[in-house]
């Protein structure tokens, strides 16, 4: 019975801290975009590499515009 006098306030403080952390995360925008990071992994550099192969150069190769005349 004596342990309840310690455990109940500890549990209340624990819940209060958890609720505070949740509200702080919501205020900082942690949960604004839940689907964006999941879809971003699907869009990789394959499109850039395929366009670069059509022009005969490597991706991120800036040698295409070297004409200085």
Protein backbone atom coordinates (compact mmCIF):
# COMPACT_ATOMS: atom_id res chain seq x y z
CA UNK A 1 0.00 0.00 0.00
CA UNK A 2 2.84 2.38 0.79
CA UNK A 3 4.28 1.86 -2.67
CA UNK A 4 1.10 3.31 -4.21
CA UNK A 5 1.87 6.66 -2.58
CA UNK A 6 5.03 6.74 -4.69
CA UNK A 7 3.89 4.99 -7.89
CA UNK A 8 0.74 7.05 -8.52
CA UNK A 9 2.49 10.46 -8.49
CA UNK A 10 5.34 9.05 -10.58
CA UNK A 11 2.82 7.74 -13.12
CA UNK A 12 1.00 11.09 -13.22
CA UNK A 13 4.29 12.94 -13.78
CA UNK A 14 5.24 10.43 -16.49
CA UNK A 15 1.94 10.93 -18.32
CA UNK A 16 2.24 14.72 -18.01
CA UNK A 17 5.74 14.64 -19.52
CA UNK A 18 4.55 12.37 -22.35
CA UNK A 19 1.66 14.72 -23.16
CA UNK A 20 4.01 17.73 -23.06
CA UNK A 21 6.45 16.02 -25.46
CA UNK A 22 3.57 15.16 -27.81
CA UNK A 23 2.29 18.74 -27.91
CA UNK A 24 5.82 20.08 -28.39
CA UNK A 25 6.32 17.75 -31.36
CA UNK A 26 3.01 18.83 -32.89
CA UNK A 27 3.89 22.51 -32.44
CA UNK A 28 7.27 22.01 -34.12
CA UNK A 29 5.65 20.43 -37.19
CA UNK A 30 6.83 16.89 -36.63
CA UNK A 31 3.55 15.43 -37.95
CA UNK A 32 2.85 17.87 -40.81
CA UNK A 33 3.84 15.62 -43.72
CA UNK A 34 3.51 11.94 -42.96
CA UNK A 35 3.37 10.68 -46.56
CA UNK A 36 6.11 12.75 -48.20
CA UNK A 37 9.13 10.84 -46.88
CA UNK A 38 7.46 7.53 -47.75
CA UNK A 39 7.00 8.56 -51.38
CA UNK A 40 10.36 10.32 -51.72
CA UNK A 41 12.22 7.01 -51.68
CA UNK A 42 10.33 5.99 -54.82
CA UNK A 43 11.63 8.99 -56.77
CA UNK A 44 15.32 8.30 -57.17
CA UNK A 45 17.85 9.39 -59.78
CA UNK A 46 16.75 6.92 -62.49
CA UNK A 47 14.95 9.66 -64.42
CA UNK A 48 18.02 11.88 -64.40
CA UNK A 49 20.24 8.98 -65.50
CA UNK A 50 17.92 8.03 -68.38
CA UNK A 51 17.78 11.62 -69.64
CA UNK A 52 21.55 11.87 -69.40
CA UNK A 53 22.05 8.69 -71.41
CA UNK A 54 19.95 10.15 -74.24
CA UNK A 55 22.40 13.05 -74.51
CA UNK A 56 25.48 10.83 -74.20
CA UNK A 57 26.82 12.13 -70.92
CA UNK A 58 27.07 11.01 -67.34
CA UNK A 59 24.59 12.30 -64.74
CA UNK A 60 25.74 15.54 -63.11
CA UNK A 61 28.35 16.05 -65.84
CA UNK A 62 28.65 19.76 -66.55
CA UNK A 63 30.87 19.35 -69.64
CA UNK A 64 27.95 19.88 -72.04
CA UNK A 65 28.18 23.68 -72.04
CA UNK A 66 31.93 24.10 -72.53
CA UNK A 67 31.72 25.95 -75.86
CA UNK A 68 33.44 29.28 -75.22
CA UNK A 69 33.29 30.77 -78.72
